[in-house]
Structure formats: C-alpha cells, structure tokens
C-alpha atoms as a PDB file:
ATOM      1  CA  GLN A   1      12.888   3.145  14.148  1.00  0.00           C
ATOM      2  CA  VAL A   2       9.818   3.872  12.038  1.00  0.00           C
ATOM      3  CA  GLN A   3       6.243   3.135  12.963  1.00  0.00           C
ATOM      4  CA  LEU A   4       3.737   2.590  10.151  1.00  0.00           C
ATOM      5  CA  VAL A   5      -0.020   2.348  10.543  1.00  0.00           C
ATOM      6  CA  GLU A   6      -2.266   1.364   7.646  1.00  0.00           C
ATOM      7  CA  SER A   7      -5.933   2.279   7.442  1.00  0.00           C
ATOM      8  CA  GLY A   8      -8.774   2.667   4.981  1.00  0.00           C
ATOM      9  CA  GLY A   9      -9.540  -0.903   4.029  1.00  0.00           C
ATOM     10  CA  GLY A  10     -12.971  -2.426   3.974  1.00  0.00           C
ATOM     11  CA  LEU A  11     -15.546  -4.384   2.029  1.00  0.00           C
ATOM     12  CA  VAL A  12     -16.409  -3.086  -1.421  1.00  0.00           C
ATOM     13  CA  GLN A  13     -18.215  -4.414  -4.480  1.00  0.00           C
ATOM     14  CA  PRO A  14     -16.399  -5.056  -7.749  1.00  0.00           C
ATOM     15  CA  GLY A  15     -15.877  -1.777  -9.567  1.00  0.00           C
ATOM     16  CA  GLY A  16     -15.795   0.201  -6.355  1.00  0.00           C
ATOM     17  CA  SER A  17     -13.068   2.351  -4.862  1.00  0.00           C
ATOM     18  CA  LEU A  18     -11.077   2.623  -1.655  1.00  0.00           C
ATOM     19  CA  ARG A  19      -8.333   4.936  -0.459  1.00  0.00           C
ATOM     20  CA  LEU A  20      -5.697   3.504   1.847  1.00  0.00           C
ATOM     21  CA  SER A  21      -3.518   5.618   4.101  1.00  0.00           C
ATOM     22  CA  CYS A  22      -0.178   4.874   5.710  1.00  0.00           C
ATOM     23  CA  ALA A  23       0.803   7.150   8.561  1.00  0.00           C
ATOM     24  CA  ALA A  24       4.478   7.091   9.492  1.00  0.00           C
ATOM     25  CA  SER A  25       6.265   8.293  12.576  1.00  0.00           C
ATOM     26  CA  GLY A  26       9.832   8.103  13.821  1.00  0.00           C
ATOM     27  CA  SER A  27      13.021   8.428  11.795  1.00  0.00           C
ATOM     28  CA  THR A  28      11.348   8.680   8.414  1.00  0.00           C
ATOM     29  CA  PHE A  29      14.237  10.675   6.935  1.00  0.00           C
ATOM     30  CA  THR A  30      15.937   7.365   6.140  1.00  0.00           C
ATOM     31  CA  ILE A  31      13.130   6.216   3.818  1.00  0.00           C
ATOM     32  CA  LEU A  32      13.724   7.034   0.156  1.00  0.00           C
ATOM     33  CA  ILE A  33      11.102   4.773  -1.433  1.00  0.00           C
ATOM     34  CA  MET A  34       7.821   3.689   0.117  1.00  0.00           C
ATOM     35  CA  GLY A  35       5.668   0.882  -1.177  1.00  0.00           C
ATOM     36  CA  TRP A  36       2.303  -0.743  -0.769  1.00  0.00           C
ATOM     37  CA  TYR A  37       2.423  -4.527  -0.529  1.00  0.00           C
ATOM     38  CA  ARG A  38      -0.415  -7.013  -0.451  1.00  0.00           C
ATOM     39  CA  GLN A  39      -0.866 -10.629   0.463  1.00  0.00           C
ATOM     40  CA  ALA A  40      -3.901 -12.600  -0.644  1.00  0.00           C
ATOM     41  CA  PRO A  41      -4.921 -15.889   0.984  1.00  0.00           C
ATOM     42  CA  GLY A  42      -2.620 -18.664  -0.181  1.00  0.00           C
ATOM     43  CA  LYS A  43      -0.486 -16.260  -2.210  1.00  0.00           C
ATOM     44  CA  GLN A  44       2.957 -14.733  -1.851  1.00  0.00           C
ATOM     45  CA  ARG A  45       3.261 -11.173  -0.693  1.00  0.00           C
ATOM     46  CA  GLU A  46       3.777  -8.824  -3.633  1.00  0.00           C
ATOM     47  CA  LEU A  47       4.787  -5.215  -4.114  1.00  0.00           C
ATOM     48  CA  VAL A  48       1.852  -3.415  -5.712  1.00  0.00           C
ATOM     49  CA  ALA A  49       3.065   0.168  -5.999  1.00  0.00           C
ATOM     50  CA  SER A  50       5.976   2.321  -4.912  1.00  0.00           C
ATOM     51  CA  ILE A  51       6.857   5.982  -4.784  1.00  0.00           C
ATOM     52  CA  SER A  52      10.154   7.786  -4.274  1.00  0.00           C
ATOM     53  CA  ARG A  53      10.676  10.926  -2.253  1.00  0.00           C
ATOM     54  CA  SER A  54      10.811  12.875  -5.508  1.00  0.00           C
ATOM     55  CA  GLY A  55       7.483  11.438  -6.628  1.00  0.00           C
ATOM     56  CA  SER A  56       8.513   8.785  -9.150  1.00  0.00           C
ATOM     57  CA  THR A  57       6.056   5.883  -9.144  1.00  0.00           C
ATOM     58  CA  ASN A  58       5.968   2.253 -10.215  1.00  0.00           C
ATOM     59  CA  TYR A  59       3.128  -0.262 -10.344  1.00  0.00           C
ATOM     60  CA  VAL A  60       2.702  -3.943 -10.860  1.00  0.00           C
ATOM     61  CA  ASP A  61       1.077  -4.575 -14.242  1.00  0.00           C
ATOM     62  CA  SER A  62      -2.136  -5.912 -12.738  1.00  0.00           C
ATOM     63  CA  VAL A  63      -3.021  -2.563 -11.127  1.00  0.00           C
ATOM     64  CA  LYS A  64      -1.739  -0.090 -13.718  1.00  0.00           C
ATOM     65  CA  GLY A  65      -4.419   2.393 -14.659  1.00  0.00           C
ATOM     66  CA  ARG A  66      -6.510   1.515 -11.612  1.00  0.00           C
ATOM     67  CA  PHE A  67      -4.324   2.320  -8.588  1.00  0.00           C
ATOM     68  CA  THR A  68      -2.501   5.546  -7.799  1.00  0.00           C
ATOM     69  CA  ILE A  69       0.142   5.887  -5.110  1.00  0.00           C
ATOM     70  CA  SER A  70       0.969   9.286  -3.670  1.00  0.00           C
ATOM     71  CA  ARG A  71       2.764  10.743  -0.682  1.00  0.00           C
ATOM     72  CA  ASP A  72       2.781  13.862   1.413  1.00  0.00           C
ATOM     73  CA  ASN A  73       6.306  14.183   2.773  1.00  0.00           C
ATOM     74  CA  ALA A  74       5.357  16.977   5.154  1.00  0.00           C
ATOM     75  CA  LYS A  75       2.667  14.791   6.701  1.00  0.00           C
ATOM     76  CA  ASN A  76       4.730  11.585   6.543  1.00  0.00           C
ATOM     77  CA  THR A  77       1.783   9.884   4.899  1.00  0.00           C
ATOM     78  CA  VAL A  78       1.504   7.622   1.856  1.00  0.00           C
ATOM     79  CA  TYR A  79      -1.770   6.905   0.089  1.00  0.00           C
ATOM     80  CA  LEU A  80      -3.079   4.298  -2.299  1.00  0.00           C
ATOM     81  CA  GLN A  81      -6.145   5.246  -4.303  1.00  0.00           C
ATOM     82  CA  MET A  82      -7.740   2.077  -5.636  1.00  0.00           C
ATOM     83  CA  ASN A  83     -10.373   2.334  -8.352  1.00  0.00           C
ATOM     84  CA  SER A  84     -12.188  -0.261 -10.440  1.00  0.00           C
ATOM     85  CA  LEU A  85     -11.515  -2.860  -7.800  1.00  0.00           C
ATOM     86  CA  LYS A  86     -11.641  -6.525  -8.738  1.00  0.00           C
ATOM     87  CA  PRO A  87     -12.104  -9.634  -6.597  1.00  0.00           C
ATOM     88  CA  GLU A  88      -8.454 -10.460  -7.338  1.00  0.00           C
ATOM     89  CA  ASP A  89      -7.476  -7.348  -5.370  1.00  0.00           C
ATOM     90  CA  THR A  90      -8.740  -8.938  -2.162  1.00  0.00           C
ATOM     91  CA  ALA A  91      -5.807  -9.064   0.243  1.00  0.00           C
ATOM     92  CA  VAL A  92      -4.274  -7.594   3.341  1.00  0.00           C
ATOM     93  CA  TYR A  93      -2.445  -4.428   2.318  1.00  0.00           C
ATOM     94  CA  TYR A  94       0.719  -3.249   4.060  1.00  0.00           C
ATOM     95  CA  CYS A  95       2.997  -0.269   3.681  1.00  0.00           C
ATOM     96  CA  ASN A  96       6.763  -0.516   4.112  1.00  0.00           C
ATOM     97  CA  PRO A  97       9.948   0.856   2.606  1.00  0.00           C
ATOM     98  CA  VAL A  98      11.262  -0.558  -0.667  1.00  0.00           C
ATOM     99  CA  PRO A  99      13.108  -2.842  -0.585  1.00  0.00           C
ATOM    100  CA  VAL A 100      12.230  -4.767   2.533  1.00  0.00           C
ATOM    101  CA  VAL A 101      14.923  -6.524   4.526  1.00  0.00           C
ATOM    102  CA  ALA A 102      14.971  -9.525   6.809  1.00  0.00           C
ATOM    103  CA  ARG A 103      14.283  -7.377   9.848  1.00  0.00           C
ATOM    104  CA  THR A 104      11.360  -5.537   8.240  1.00  0.00           C
ATOM    105  CA  TYR A 105       8.389  -5.537  10.562  1.00  0.00           C
ATOM    106  CA  TRP A 106       4.999  -6.364   9.092  1.00  0.00           C
ATOM    107  CA  GLY A 107       2.189  -4.881  11.110  1.00  0.00           C
ATOM    108  CA  GLN A 108      -1.517  -5.573  11.054  1.00  0.00           C
ATOM    109  CA  GLY A 109      -2.062  -4.136   7.603  1.00  0.00           C
ATOM    110  CA  THR A 110      -5.538  -3.260   6.422  1.00  0.00           C
ATOM    111  CA  GLN A 111      -7.962  -5.757   4.922  1.00  0.00           C
ATOM    112  CA  VAL A 112      -9.418  -5.072   1.484  1.00  0.00           C
ATOM    113  CA  THR A 113     -12.227  -7.365   0.413  1.00  0.00           C
ATOM    114  CA  VAL A 114     -13.786  -7.050  -3.033  1.00  0.00           C
ATOM    115  CA  SER A 115     -16.880  -9.182  -3.336  1.00  0.00           C
ATOM    116  CA  SER A 116     -20.408  -9.086  -4.658  1.00  0.00           C
END
C-alpha cells in the first residue's frame, strides 16, 4: 500500500502563490501517473493536474498557465506550484494516483483558502 501526505496549504490573498507537496511512501513503483485533486465546498471533486513518471503533464483548463505540477521520482514527492491564485481555487487539495478507483483512500488533504 501507498501512504500519501499533503502539505503546503494555507491562507493567501488573490494573486498570491503557494507550493503544495505530496510525500509518498510504500509501494510507489506501481504508480505511473500522479494527480492533484481538489474539492471546493458544495462542489464535486475534480482532477486539477497530473504528471506521468516520464514527466508528461496535463491540467484542467481553469488552471492552465497558473499551476505547475512536477515530481521527483527519487524523493517520491509530487509538487503543485500555484501562482496567480483566485478565490475560485479555494478548496481542499489531495494527491492520489490517476485514475482513482473505488478503494482509493482520501486522506486529510491540505486546505487552500484564497481570500482578501
């Protein structure tokens, strides 16, 4: 099994930046694609960004040009650099493999709040 711990969230003003980290441990050799998901109050959870082991990335349209996902395979860590943050980015952010399955465990995540 894989353990994932998100960190780096916080309160930031519109236009600000945050860098999220996802530290993985366990049998990470089975993970080919890692993603950052978010869930805002009253909204469905959505996949924001993903990255393959080879470094290929994908983003939801709403964050293109503002967010950058990266990974360090040697450190078993995935990052999400978030710039030009908007109030609409307010959500709990989670990391997990892509795609998720019924048995996927959702941990605490890390809260990102963008507010003036």
